[in-house]
Amino acid sequence: MDGHRSAPAATLLAVVYLVGGALCFAGAASPMAPETPVDLLWGLGVAGVGIGAALLAFGQRLPSWALHAALALVSVLVGVLAWRSATPVGIVGLGPAMTAVALYAAHVLPLPSARAHTAFVVAAASAGAAAAEPSGFLNAWLALSVTVLVLAEAQGRLARRLREAADTDPLTGVANRRSWEVDASRHLAGALRTGDPLSVAILDLDDFKQVNDRDGHGAGDALLRELTASWAQRLRSADLLGRYGGDEFVLCLPATDERGAQELLARLEESHDFRWSVGLATVRPGDTLTGVLARADEDLYQRKRAGRQTR
């Protein structure tokens, strides 16, 4: 669960808790059978509303592990409800709760984590159902469990494709401007907090318009793909490469001072024959991403103006 998605993820999970708490209150107020665990439902209703309210109030400041724990707790509570259910209908009726957990996980989490949470809610609910007194619901339960697993897988794959489309430049496959700025801001906040160095570079292709005019836009597109692919092979796993627009690209280099950034940029120069110019800036105390980019852009302008190019 990425940091910049934690606030909406917490809000959505709060809705799951609040709706679940409200349904528990409704079940306690109008029991399905004399054996219905009314006291448990009242208690779970209070817990659901309380946790939901806490997520709404503090969700933006919660670390991702806390949201994972809160989601896992829902699965545990579903298992408890299955265990204490008084009728087969009450057990199978937990299907919407299982589906809500699975679809939430598939929507907000990376696919491997979503699969793990879906498997956990199915396992917890199945364990509770197996320990419950009612019987005769096995076929319905198997169908329900398979349905939950299939729905979560489909939603998870769809959500992953949508996230990739939203975060990726469709031509080059690198981060688009919005995605790069979000991740670079996160790295900048970490550098300012720890005092580690961080550098930002703007890469501007020289005479790229001539390629389009002379060879056509198809050749220009191919060149952009070649350049970004060759750069990506020489970047470290933590480095962030993004397309800022047209023939301009940006690099965020965590844990890298000016000297280290120059060395890395020199390696990028060796990756392709096409000429490009660079502007570089390192983070200062109290910096913002806008300020760092402005200094890198000014450095690029000065280099171009003085005729000092990377090749």
C-alpha atoms as a PDB file:
ATOM      1  CA  MET A   1       0.000   0.000   0.000  1.00  0.00           C
ATOM      2  CA  ASP A   2       1.795   3.129  -1.209  1.00  0.00           C
ATOM      3  CA  GLY A   3       2.111   6.115   1.077  1.00  0.00           C
ATOM      4  CA  HIS A   4       0.242   8.471  -1.231  1.00  0.00           C
ATOM      5  CA  ARG A   5      -2.688   6.009  -1.357  1.00  0.00           C
ATOM      6  CA  SER A   6      -2.897   5.388   2.392  1.00  0.00           C
ATOM      7  CA  ALA A   7      -5.394   8.183   3.148  1.00  0.00           C
ATOM      8  CA  PRO A   8      -8.095   7.110   0.633  1.00  0.00           C
ATOM      9  CA  ALA A   9      -7.408   3.474   1.524  1.00  0.00           C
ATOM     10  CA  ALA A  10      -8.013   4.254   5.204  1.00  0.00           C
ATOM     11  CA  THR A  11     -11.219   6.121   4.361  1.00  0.00           C
ATOM     12  CA  LEU A  12     -12.536   3.205   2.335  1.00  0.00           C
ATOM     13  CA  LEU A  13     -11.645   0.743   5.077  1.00  0.00           C
ATOM     14  CA  ALA A  14     -13.411   3.013   7.569  1.00  0.00           C
ATOM     15  CA  VAL A  15     -16.559   2.695   5.442  1.00  0.00           C
ATOM     16  CA  VAL A  16     -16.233  -1.106   5.575  1.00  0.00           C
ATOM     17  CA  TYR A  17     -16.018  -0.967   9.368  1.00  0.00           C
ATOM     18  CA  LEU A  18     -18.877   1.491   9.725  1.00  0.00           C
ATOM     19  CA  VAL A  19     -21.208  -0.445   7.437  1.00  0.00           C
ATOM     20  CA  GLY A  20     -20.261  -3.686   9.179  1.00  0.00           C
ATOM     21  CA  GLY A  21     -20.931  -2.142  12.569  1.00  0.00           C
ATOM     22  CA  ALA A  22     -24.305  -0.869  11.410  1.00  0.00           C
ATOM     23  CA  LEU A  23     -25.258  -4.328  10.116  1.00  0.00           C
ATOM     24  CA  CYS A  24     -24.237  -5.864  13.442  1.00  0.00           C
ATOM     25  CA  PHE A  25     -26.492  -3.378  15.253  1.00  0.00           C
ATOM     26  CA  ALA A  26     -29.337  -4.306  12.900  1.00  0.00           C
ATOM     27  CA  GLY A  27     -28.768  -8.016  13.497  1.00  0.00           C
ATOM     28  CA  ALA A  28     -28.736  -7.496  17.262  1.00  0.00           C
ATOM     29  CA  ALA A  29     -31.909  -5.412  17.168  1.00  0.00           C
ATOM     30  CA  SER A  30     -33.747  -7.957  15.006  1.00  0.00           C
ATOM     31  CA  PRO A  31     -32.238 -11.441  15.603  1.00  0.00           C
ATOM     32  CA  MET A  32     -32.712 -14.121  12.937  1.00  0.00           C
ATOM     33  CA  ALA A  33     -33.167 -16.891  15.533  1.00  0.00           C
ATOM     34  CA  PRO A  34     -33.526 -17.243  19.311  1.00  0.00           C
ATOM     35  CA  GLU A  35     -29.953 -18.571  19.440  1.00  0.00           C
ATOM     36  CA  THR A  36     -28.515 -15.518  17.673  1.00  0.00           C
ATOM     37  CA  PRO A  37     -25.553 -14.152  19.714  1.00  0.00           C
ATOM     38  CA  VAL A  38     -27.116 -10.765  20.367  1.00  0.00           C
ATOM     39  CA  ASP A  39     -24.491  -9.653  22.882  1.00  0.00           C
ATOM     40  CA  LEU A  40     -21.698 -10.450  20.429  1.00  0.00           C
ATOM     41  CA  LEU A  41     -23.451  -8.489  17.685  1.00  0.00           C
ATOM     42  CA  TRP A  42     -23.858  -5.461  19.939  1.00  0.00           C
ATOM     43  CA  GLY A  43     -20.185  -5.667  20.863  1.00  0.00           C
ATOM     44  CA  LEU A  44     -19.031  -6.038  17.253  1.00  0.00           C
ATOM     45  CA  GLY A  45     -21.275  -3.156  16.255  1.00  0.00           C
ATOM     46  CA  VAL A  46     -19.626  -0.886  18.818  1.00  0.00           C
ATOM     47  CA  ALA A  47     -16.177  -2.079  17.738  1.00  0.00           C
ATOM     48  CA  GLY A  48     -16.965  -1.557  14.063  1.00  0.00           C
ATOM     49  CA  VAL A  49     -18.240   1.977  14.540  1.00  0.00           C
ATOM     50  CA  GLY A  50     -15.390   2.852  16.895  1.00  0.00           C
ATOM     51  CA  ILE A  51     -12.637   1.536  14.614  1.00  0.00           C
ATOM     52  CA  GLY A  52     -14.292   3.097  11.585  1.00  0.00           C
ATOM     53  CA  ALA A  53     -14.386   6.483  13.309  1.00  0.00           C
ATOM     54  CA  ALA A  54     -10.734   6.128  14.333  1.00  0.00           C
ATOM     55  CA  LEU A  55      -9.730   5.326  10.755  1.00  0.00           C
ATOM     56  CA  LEU A  56     -11.553   8.410   9.524  1.00  0.00           C
ATOM     57  CA  ALA A  57      -9.858  10.579  12.145  1.00  0.00           C
ATOM     58  CA  PHE A  58      -6.306   9.197  12.024  1.00  0.00           C
ATOM     59  CA  GLY A  59      -6.095   7.251   8.764  1.00  0.00           C
ATOM     60  CA  GLN A  60      -3.863   9.792   7.034  1.00  0.00           C
ATOM     61  CA  ARG A  61      -1.203   9.317   9.700  1.00  0.00           C
ATOM     62  CA  LEU A  62      -1.378   5.531   9.915  1.00  0.00           C
ATOM     63  CA  PRO A  63       1.506   3.489   8.488  1.00  0.00           C
ATOM     64  CA  SER A  64       0.664   0.882   5.888  1.00  0.00           C
ATOM     65  CA  TRP A  65       1.221  -1.993   8.335  1.00  0.00           C
ATOM     66  CA  ALA A  66      -1.536  -0.628  10.570  1.00  0.00           C
ATOM     67  CA  LEU A  67      -3.994  -0.664   7.669  1.00  0.00           C
ATOM     68  CA  HIS A  68      -2.991  -4.234   6.860  1.00  0.00           C
ATOM     69  CA  ALA A  69      -3.613  -5.145  10.502  1.00  0.00           C
ATOM     70  CA  ALA A  70      -7.003  -3.410  10.480  1.00  0.00           C
ATOM     71  CA  LEU A  71      -7.996  -5.297   7.351  1.00  0.00           C
ATOM     72  CA  ALA A  72      -6.839  -8.606   8.822  1.00  0.00           C
ATOM     73  CA  LEU A  73      -8.916  -7.865  11.931  1.00  0.00           C
ATOM     74  CA  VAL A  74     -12.039  -7.681   9.763  1.00  0.00           C
ATOM     75  CA  SER A  75     -11.293 -11.195   8.546  1.00  0.00           C
ATOM     76  CA  VAL A  76     -10.868 -12.430  12.111  1.00  0.00           C
ATOM     77  CA  LEU A  77     -14.191 -10.868  13.115  1.00  0.00           C
ATOM     78  CA  VAL A  78     -15.913 -12.505  10.141  1.00  0.00           C
ATOM     79  CA  GLY A  79     -14.515 -15.825  11.361  1.00  0.00           C
ATOM     80  CA  VAL A  80     -15.859 -15.165  14.858  1.00  0.00           C
ATOM     81  CA  LEU A  81     -19.298 -14.374  13.457  1.00  0.00           C
ATOM     82  CA  ALA A  82     -19.264 -17.579  11.421  1.00  0.00           C
ATOM     83  CA  TRP A  83     -18.303 -19.568  14.521  1.00  0.00           C
ATOM     84  CA  ARG A  84     -21.113 -18.078  16.642  1.00  0.00           C
ATOM     85  CA  SER A  85     -23.795 -18.149  13.924  1.00  0.00           C
ATOM     86  CA  ALA A  86     -26.943 -19.959  14.984  1.00  0.00           C
ATOM     87  CA  THR A  87     -28.223 -21.025  11.550  1.00  0.00           C
ATOM     88  CA  PRO A  88     -26.779 -22.150   8.199  1.00  0.00           C
ATOM     89  CA  VAL A  89     -28.372 -19.093   6.616  1.00  0.00           C
ATOM     90  CA  GLY A  90     -26.509 -16.891   9.064  1.00  0.00           C
ATOM     91  CA  ILE A  91     -23.196 -18.516   8.126  1.00  0.00           C
ATOM     92  CA  VAL A  92     -23.695 -18.302   4.364  1.00  0.00           C
ATOM     93  CA  GLY A  93     -25.053 -14.787   4.887  1.00  0.00           C
ATOM     94  CA  LEU A  94     -21.500 -13.693   5.756  1.00  0.00           C
ATOM     95  CA  GLY A  95     -20.707 -13.891   2.037  1.00  0.00           C
ATOM     96  CA  PRO A  96     -21.107 -10.129   1.487  1.00  0.00           C
ATOM     97  CA  ALA A  97     -18.671  -9.410   4.323  1.00  0.00           C
ATOM     98  CA  MET A  98     -16.093 -11.780   2.827  1.00  0.00           C
ATOM     99  CA  THR A  99     -16.630 -10.237  -0.596  1.00  0.00           C
ATOM    100  CA  ALA A 100     -16.209  -6.718   0.804  1.00  0.00           C
ATOM    101  CA  VAL A 101     -12.874  -7.621   2.385  1.00  0.00           C
ATOM    102  CA  ALA A 102     -11.628  -9.344  -0.762  1.00  0.00           C
ATOM    103  CA  LEU A 103     -12.685  -6.572  -3.151  1.00  0.00           C
ATOM    104  CA  TYR A 104     -11.284  -3.883  -0.864  1.00  0.00           C
ATOM    105  CA  ALA A 105      -7.920  -5.676  -0.779  1.00  0.00           C
ATOM    106  CA  ALA A 106      -7.954  -6.173  -4.545  1.00  0.00           C
ATOM    107  CA  HIS A 107      -8.787  -2.524  -5.139  1.00  0.00           C
ATOM    108  CA  VAL A 108      -6.199  -0.829  -2.920  1.00  0.00           C
ATOM    109  CA  LEU A 109      -3.350  -3.347  -2.507  1.00  0.00           C
ATOM    110  CA  PRO A 110      -0.751  -4.820  -4.828  1.00  0.00           C
ATOM    111  CA  LEU A 111      -1.977  -8.096  -6.270  1.00  0.00           C
ATOM    112  CA  PRO A 112       0.201 -10.420  -4.103  1.00  0.00           C
ATOM    113  CA  SER A 113      -0.994  -8.689  -0.909  1.00  0.00           C
ATOM    114  CA  ALA A 114      -4.594  -8.748  -2.140  1.00  0.00           C
ATOM    115  CA  ARG A 115      -4.349 -12.476  -2.752  1.00  0.00           C
ATOM    116  CA  ALA A 116      -2.962 -13.025   0.746  1.00  0.00           C
ATOM    117  CA  HIS A 117      -5.770 -11.047   2.416  1.00  0.00           C
ATOM    118  CA  THR A 118      -8.412 -12.798   0.305  1.00  0.00           C
ATOM    119  CA  ALA A 119      -7.025 -16.206   1.224  1.00  0.00           C
ATOM    120  CA  PHE A 120      -6.962 -15.150   4.875  1.00  0.00           C
ATOM    121  CA  VAL A 121     -10.576 -14.016   5.005  1.00  0.00           C
ATOM    122  CA  VAL A 122     -11.723 -17.212   3.269  1.00  0.00           C
ATOM    123  CA  ALA A 123      -9.606 -19.318   5.648  1.00  0.00           C
ATOM    124  CA  ALA A 124     -10.744 -17.456   8.774  1.00  0.00           C
ATOM    125  CA  ALA A 125     -14.400 -17.592   7.791  1.00  0.00           C
ATOM    126  CA  SER A 126     -14.128 -21.264   6.802  1.00  0.00           C
ATOM    127  CA  ALA A 127     -12.484 -22.130  10.140  1.00  0.00           C
ATOM    128  CA  GLY A 128     -15.273 -20.345  11.980  1.00  0.00           C
ATOM    129  CA  ALA A 129     -17.936 -22.058   9.861  1.00  0.00           C
ATOM    130  CA  ALA A 130     -16.372 -25.476  10.474  1.00  0.00           C
ATOM    131  CA  ALA A 131     -16.434 -24.878  14.224  1.00  0.00           C
ATOM    132  CA  ALA A 132     -20.044 -23.643  14.241  1.00  0.00           C
ATOM    133  CA  GLU A 133     -22.926 -25.816  15.440  1.00  0.00           C
ATOM    134  CA  PRO A 134     -25.143 -25.582  12.307  1.00  0.00           C
ATOM    135  CA  SER A 135     -24.422 -27.922   9.395  1.00  0.00           C
ATOM    136  CA  GLY A 136     -25.701 -28.648   5.908  1.00  0.00           C
ATOM    137  CA  PHE A 137     -24.213 -25.609   4.193  1.00  0.00           C
ATOM    138  CA  LEU A 138     -21.035 -27.145   2.717  1.00  0.00           C
ATOM    139  CA  ASN A 139     -21.996 -26.903  -0.970  1.00  0.00           C
ATOM    140  CA  ALA A 140     -23.184 -23.324  -0.612  1.00  0.00           C
ATOM    141  CA  TRP A 141     -20.033 -22.432   1.331  1.00  0.00           C
ATOM    142  CA  LEU A 142     -17.721 -23.925  -1.282  1.00  0.00           C
ATOM    143  CA  ALA A 143     -19.501 -21.999  -4.031  1.00  0.00           C
ATOM    144  CA  LEU A 144     -19.287 -18.818  -1.962  1.00  0.00           C
ATOM    145  CA  SER A 145     -15.571 -19.247  -1.250  1.00  0.00           C
ATOM    146  CA  VAL A 146     -14.724 -19.902  -4.894  1.00  0.00           C
ATOM    147  CA  THR A 147     -16.767 -16.884  -5.948  1.00  0.00           C
ATOM    148  CA  VAL A 148     -14.934 -14.621  -3.490  1.00  0.00           C
ATOM    149  CA  LEU A 149     -11.530 -15.856  -4.694  1.00  0.00           C
ATOM    150  CA  VAL A 150     -12.427 -15.403  -8.372  1.00  0.00           C
ATOM    151  CA  LEU A 151     -13.920 -11.948  -7.873  1.00  0.00           C
ATOM    152  CA  ALA A 152     -10.878 -10.773  -5.935  1.00  0.00           C
ATOM    153  CA  GLU A 153      -8.474 -12.073  -8.583  1.00  0.00           C
ATOM    154  CA  ALA A 154     -10.402 -10.371 -11.375  1.00  0.00           C
ATOM    155  CA  GLN A 155     -10.663  -7.082  -9.488  1.00  0.00           C
ATOM    156  CA  GLY A 156      -6.991  -7.237  -8.475  1.00  0.00           C
ATOM    157  CA  ARG A 157      -5.800  -7.700 -12.042  1.00  0.00           C
ATOM    158  CA  LEU A 158      -8.061  -4.941 -13.294  1.00  0.00           C
ATOM    159  CA  ALA A 159      -6.910  -2.565 -10.544  1.00  0.00           C
ATOM    160  CA  ARG A 160      -3.265  -3.317 -11.326  1.00  0.00           C
ATOM    161  CA  ARG A 161      -3.774  -2.498 -15.002  1.00  0.00           C
ATOM    162  CA  LEU A 162      -5.584   0.712 -14.117  1.00  0.00           C
ATOM    163  CA  ARG A 163      -2.818   1.777 -11.713  1.00  0.00           C
ATOM    164  CA  GLU A 164      -0.168   1.064 -14.319  1.00  0.00           C
ATOM    165  CA  ALA A 165      -2.086   3.061 -16.912  1.00  0.00           C
ATOM    166  CA  ALA A 166      -2.507   5.963 -14.493  1.00  0.00           C
ATOM    167  CA  ASP A 167       1.146   6.014 -13.399  1.00  0.00           C
ATOM    168  CA  THR A 168       3.002   5.156 -16.614  1.00  0.00           C
ATOM    169  CA  ASP A 169       3.868   7.089 -19.742  1.00  0.00           C
ATOM    170  CA  PRO A 170       2.268   4.969 -22.485  1.00  0.00           C
ATOM    171  CA  LEU A 171       5.048   5.555 -25.028  1.00  0.00           C
ATOM    172  CA  THR A 172       8.195   4.930 -23.013  1.00  0.00           C
ATOM    173  CA  GLY A 173       6.919   2.864 -20.092  1.00  0.00           C
ATOM    174  CA  VAL A 174       8.579   5.115 -17.485  1.00  0.00           C
ATOM    175  CA  ALA A 175       6.676   7.053 -14.825  1.00  0.00           C
ATOM    176  CA  ASN A 176       4.489   9.890 -16.055  1.00  0.00           C
ATOM    177  CA  ARG A 177       4.726  13.370 -14.593  1.00  0.00           C
ATOM    178  CA  ARG A 178       2.064  12.933 -11.912  1.00  0.00           C
ATOM    179  CA  SER A 179       3.402   9.608 -10.709  1.00  0.00           C
ATOM    180  CA  TRP A 180       7.013  10.808 -10.725  1.00  0.00           C
ATOM    181  CA  GLU A 181       6.177  13.909  -8.686  1.00  0.00           C
ATOM    182  CA  VAL A 182       4.329  11.829  -6.068  1.00  0.00           C
ATOM    183  CA  ASP A 183       7.205   9.381  -5.628  1.00  0.00           C
ATOM    184  CA  ALA A 184       9.889  12.086  -5.805  1.00  0.00           C
ATOM    185  CA  SER A 185       8.060  14.096  -3.129  1.00  0.00           C
ATOM    186  CA  ARG A 186       8.034  11.028  -0.897  1.00  0.00           C
ATOM    187  CA  HIS A 187      11.797  10.559  -1.371  1.00  0.00           C
ATOM    188  CA  LEU A 188      12.373  14.263  -0.767  1.00  0.00           C
ATOM    189  CA  ALA A 189      10.436  14.140   2.512  1.00  0.00           C
ATOM    190  CA  GLY A 190      12.543  11.193   3.614  1.00  0.00           C
ATOM    191  CA  ALA A 191      15.793  12.941   2.703  1.00  0.00           C
ATOM    192  CA  LEU A 192      14.815  16.087   4.589  1.00  0.00           C
ATOM    193  CA  ARG A 193      13.867  14.004   7.610  1.00  0.00           C
ATOM    194  CA  THR A 194      17.071  11.930   7.711  1.00  0.00           C
ATOM    195  CA  GLY A 195      19.539  14.408   6.257  1.00  0.00           C
ATOM    196  CA  ASP A 196      20.539  12.027   3.451  1.00  0.00           C
ATOM    197  CA  PRO A 197      21.550  13.598   0.138  1.00  0.00           C
ATOM    198  CA  LEU A 198      19.196  13.599  -2.820  1.00  0.00           C
ATOM    199  CA  SER A 199      19.681  14.947  -6.326  1.00  0.00           C
ATOM    200  CA  VAL A 200      17.244  15.807  -9.099  1.00  0.00           C
ATOM    201  CA  ALA A 201      18.191  16.057 -12.767  1.00  0.00           C
ATOM    202  CA  ILE A 202      16.321  17.314 -15.813  1.00  0.00           C
ATOM    203  CA  LEU A 203      17.333  15.683 -19.113  1.00  0.00           C
ATOM    204  CA  ASP A 204      16.471  17.613 -22.255  1.00  0.00           C
ATOM    205  CA  LEU A 205      17.041  16.027 -25.674  1.00  0.00           C
ATOM    206  CA  ASP A 206      19.003  18.175 -28.115  1.00  0.00           C
ATOM    207  CA  ASP A 207      17.596  18.690 -31.621  1.00  0.00           C
ATOM    208  CA  PHE A 208      14.835  16.167 -31.072  1.00  0.00           C
ATOM    209  CA  LYS A 209      12.489  18.194 -33.263  1.00  0.00           C
ATOM    210  CA  GLN A 210      14.844  17.657 -36.191  1.00  0.00           C
ATOM    211  CA  VAL A 211      14.429  13.905 -35.819  1.00  0.00           C
ATOM    212  CA  ASN A 212      10.661  14.252 -36.101  1.00  0.00           C
ATOM    213  CA  ASP A 213      10.900  16.671 -39.004  1.00  0.00           C
ATOM    214  CA  ARG A 214      13.500  14.633 -40.901  1.00  0.00           C
ATOM    215  CA  ASP A 215      12.488  11.041 -40.171  1.00  0.00           C
ATOM    216  CA  GLY A 216       8.909  11.324 -38.977  1.00  0.00           C
ATOM    217  CA  HIS A 217       7.219  11.015 -35.603  1.00  0.00           C
ATOM    218  CA  GLY A 218       7.520   7.248 -35.674  1.00  0.00           C
ATOM    219  CA  ALA A 219      11.291   7.576 -35.638  1.00  0.00           C
ATOM    220  CA  GLY A 220      11.050  10.110 -32.823  1.00  0.00           C
ATOM    221  CA  ASP A 221       8.888   7.758 -30.778  1.00  0.00           C
ATOM    222  CA  ALA A 222      11.341   4.901 -31.379  1.00  0.00           C
ATOM    223  CA  LEU A 223      14.209   7.112 -30.244  1.00  0.00           C
ATOM    224  CA  LEU A 224      12.430   7.988 -26.997  1.00  0.00           C
ATOM    225  CA  ARG A 225      11.832   4.310 -26.278  1.00  0.00           C
ATOM    226  CA  GLU A 226      15.469   3.453 -27.035  1.00  0.00           C
ATOM    227  CA  LEU A 227      16.815   6.219 -24.823  1.00  0.00           C
ATOM    228  CA  THR A 228      14.634   5.433 -21.819  1.00  0.00           C
ATOM    229  CA  ALA A 229      15.359   1.718 -22.140  1.00  0.00           C
ATOM    230  CA  SER A 230      19.112   2.333 -22.250  1.00  0.00           C
ATOM    231  CA  TRP A 231      18.939   4.735 -19.290  1.00  0.00           C
ATOM    232  CA  ALA A 232      16.841   2.322 -17.246  1.00  0.00           C
ATOM    233  CA  GLN A 233      19.450  -0.415 -17.659  1.00  0.00           C
ATOM    234  CA  ARG A 234      22.081   1.787 -15.995  1.00  0.00           C
ATOM    235  CA  LEU A 235      19.953   3.248 -13.214  1.00  0.00           C
ATOM    236  CA  ARG A 236      19.788   1.780  -9.732  1.00  0.00           C
ATOM    237  CA  SER A 237      16.611   0.221  -8.409  1.00  0.00           C
ATOM    238  CA  ALA A 238      15.857   3.231  -6.162  1.00  0.00           C
ATOM    239  CA  ASP A 239      16.336   5.835  -8.923  1.00  0.00           C
ATOM    240  CA  LEU A 240      13.167   7.345 -10.378  1.00  0.00           C
ATOM    241  CA  LEU A 241      13.025   8.116 -14.092  1.00  0.00           C
ATOM    242  CA  GLY A 242      10.005   9.961 -15.429  1.00  0.00           C
ATOM    243  CA  ARG A 243       8.847  11.667 -18.589  1.00  0.00           C
ATOM    244  CA  TYR A 244       8.037  15.260 -17.772  1.00  0.00           C
ATOM    245  CA  GLY A 245       6.673  16.145 -21.169  1.00  0.00           C
ATOM    246  CA  GLY A 246       7.681  15.929 -24.821  1.00  0.00           C
ATOM    247  CA  ASP A 247      11.424  15.334 -25.007  1.00  0.00           C
ATOM    248  CA  GLU A 248      12.131  16.272 -21.375  1.00  0.00           C
ATOM    249  CA  PHE A 249      12.780  13.684 -18.668  1.00  0.00           C
ATOM    250  CA  VAL A 250      13.438  13.907 -14.935  1.00  0.00           C
ATOM    251  CA  LEU A 251      15.508  11.838 -12.534  1.00  0.00           C
ATOM    252  CA  CYS A 252      15.208  11.585  -8.763  1.00  0.00           C
ATOM    253  CA  LEU A 253      18.362  10.094  -7.271  1.00  0.00           C
ATOM    254  CA  PRO A 254      17.950   9.159  -3.586  1.00  0.00           C
ATOM    255  CA  ALA A 255      21.029   8.960  -1.349  1.00  0.00           C
ATOM    256  CA  THR A 256      23.065  10.701  -4.055  1.00  0.00           C
ATOM    257  CA  ASP A 257      25.085  13.901  -3.717  1.00  0.00           C
ATOM    258  CA  GLU A 258      26.204  16.072  -6.624  1.00  0.00           C
ATOM    259  CA  ARG A 259      29.365  14.064  -7.276  1.00  0.00           C
ATOM    260  CA  GLY A 260      27.487  10.772  -7.260  1.00  0.00           C
ATOM    261  CA  ALA A 261      24.850  12.236  -9.568  1.00  0.00           C
ATOM    262  CA  GLN A 262      27.509  13.409 -12.023  1.00  0.00           C
ATOM    263  CA  GLU A 263      29.030   9.928 -12.063  1.00  0.00           C
ATOM    264  CA  LEU A 264      25.652   8.333 -12.720  1.00  0.00           C
ATOM    265  CA  LEU A 265      24.843  10.830 -15.465  1.00  0.00           C
ATOM    266  CA  ALA A 266      28.192  10.037 -17.088  1.00  0.00           C
ATOM    267  CA  ARG A 267      27.154   6.382 -17.250  1.00  0.00           C
ATOM    268  CA  LEU A 268      23.894   7.392 -18.877  1.00  0.00           C
ATOM    269  CA  GLU A 269      25.848   9.377 -21.487  1.00  0.00           C
ATOM    270  CA  GLU A 270      27.608   6.189 -22.534  1.00  0.00           C
ATOM    271  CA  SER A 271      24.342   4.360 -23.111  1.00  0.00           C
ATOM    272  CA  HIS A 272      23.286   6.040 -26.372  1.00  0.00           C
ATOM    273  CA  ASP A 273      24.749   8.255 -29.103  1.00  0.00           C
ATOM    274  CA  PHE A 274      21.935  10.811 -29.145  1.00  0.00           C
ATOM    275  CA  ARG A 275      22.858  14.153 -27.601  1.00  0.00           C
ATOM    276  CA  TRP A 276      21.058  15.540 -24.565  1.00  0.00           C
ATOM    277  CA  SER A 277      21.617  18.280 -22.016  1.00  0.00           C
ATOM    278  CA  VAL A 278      21.170  18.076 -18.264  1.00  0.00           C
ATOM    279  CA  GLY A 279      20.394  20.364 -15.363  1.00  0.00           C
ATOM    280  CA  LEU A 280      21.220  19.173 -11.865  1.00  0.00           C
ATOM    281  CA  ALA A 281      20.265  20.256  -8.349  1.00  0.00           C
ATOM    282  CA  THR A 282      20.828  18.718  -4.913  1.00  0.00           C
ATOM    283  CA  VAL A 283      18.459  19.057  -1.989  1.00  0.00           C
ATOM    284  CA  ARG A 284      18.959  21.783   0.608  1.00  0.00           C
ATOM    285  CA  PRO A 285      17.354  22.012   4.070  1.00  0.00           C
ATOM    286  CA  GLY A 286      13.750  23.160   3.836  1.00  0.00           C
ATOM    287  CA  ASP A 287      13.526  22.444   0.097  1.00  0.00           C
ATOM    288  CA  THR A 288      10.364  21.648  -1.805  1.00  0.00           C
ATOM    289  CA  LEU A 289      10.185  19.604  -4.973  1.00  0.00           C
ATOM    290  CA  THR A 290       9.176  22.723  -6.882  1.00  0.00           C
ATOM    291  CA  GLY A 291      12.256  24.531  -5.596  1.00  0.00           C
ATOM    292  CA  VAL A 292      14.638  21.695  -6.470  1.00  0.00           C
ATOM    293  CA  LEU A 293      13.172  21.391  -9.968  1.00  0.00           C
ATOM    294  CA  ALA A 294      13.445  25.150 -10.461  1.00  0.00           C
ATOM    295  CA  ARG A 295      17.162  25.054  -9.625  1.00  0.00           C
ATOM    296  CA  ALA A 296      17.707  22.077 -11.918  1.00  0.00           C
ATOM    297  CA  ASP A 297      15.857  23.891 -14.692  1.00  0.00           C
ATOM    298  CA  GLU A 298      17.975  27.020 -14.152  1.00  0.00           C
ATOM    299  CA  ASP A 299      21.124  24.888 -14.281  1.00  0.00           C
ATOM    300  CA  LEU A 300      19.892  23.361 -17.548  1.00  0.00           C
ATOM    301  CA  TYR A 301      19.218  26.818 -18.989  1.00  0.00           C
ATOM    302  CA  GLN A 302      22.660  28.067 -17.997  1.00  0.00           C
ATOM    303  CA  ARG A 303      24.377  25.039 -19.522  1.00  0.00           C
ATOM    304  CA  LYS A 304      22.480  25.406 -22.768  1.00  0.00           C
ATOM    305  CA  ARG A 305      23.133  29.119 -22.851  1.00  0.00           C
ATOM    306  CA  ALA A 306      26.857  28.599 -22.337  1.00  0.00           C
ATOM    307  CA  GLY A 307      26.954  25.839 -24.899  1.00  0.00           C
ATOM    308  CA  ARG A 308      28.032  23.221 -22.363  1.00  0.00           C
ATOM    309  CA  GLN A 309      26.282  20.028 -23.400  1.00  0.00           C
ATOM    310  CA  THR A 310      26.653  16.539 -22.153  1.00  0.00           C
ATOM    311  CA  ARG A 311      28.297  15.382 -25.380  1.00  0.00           C
END
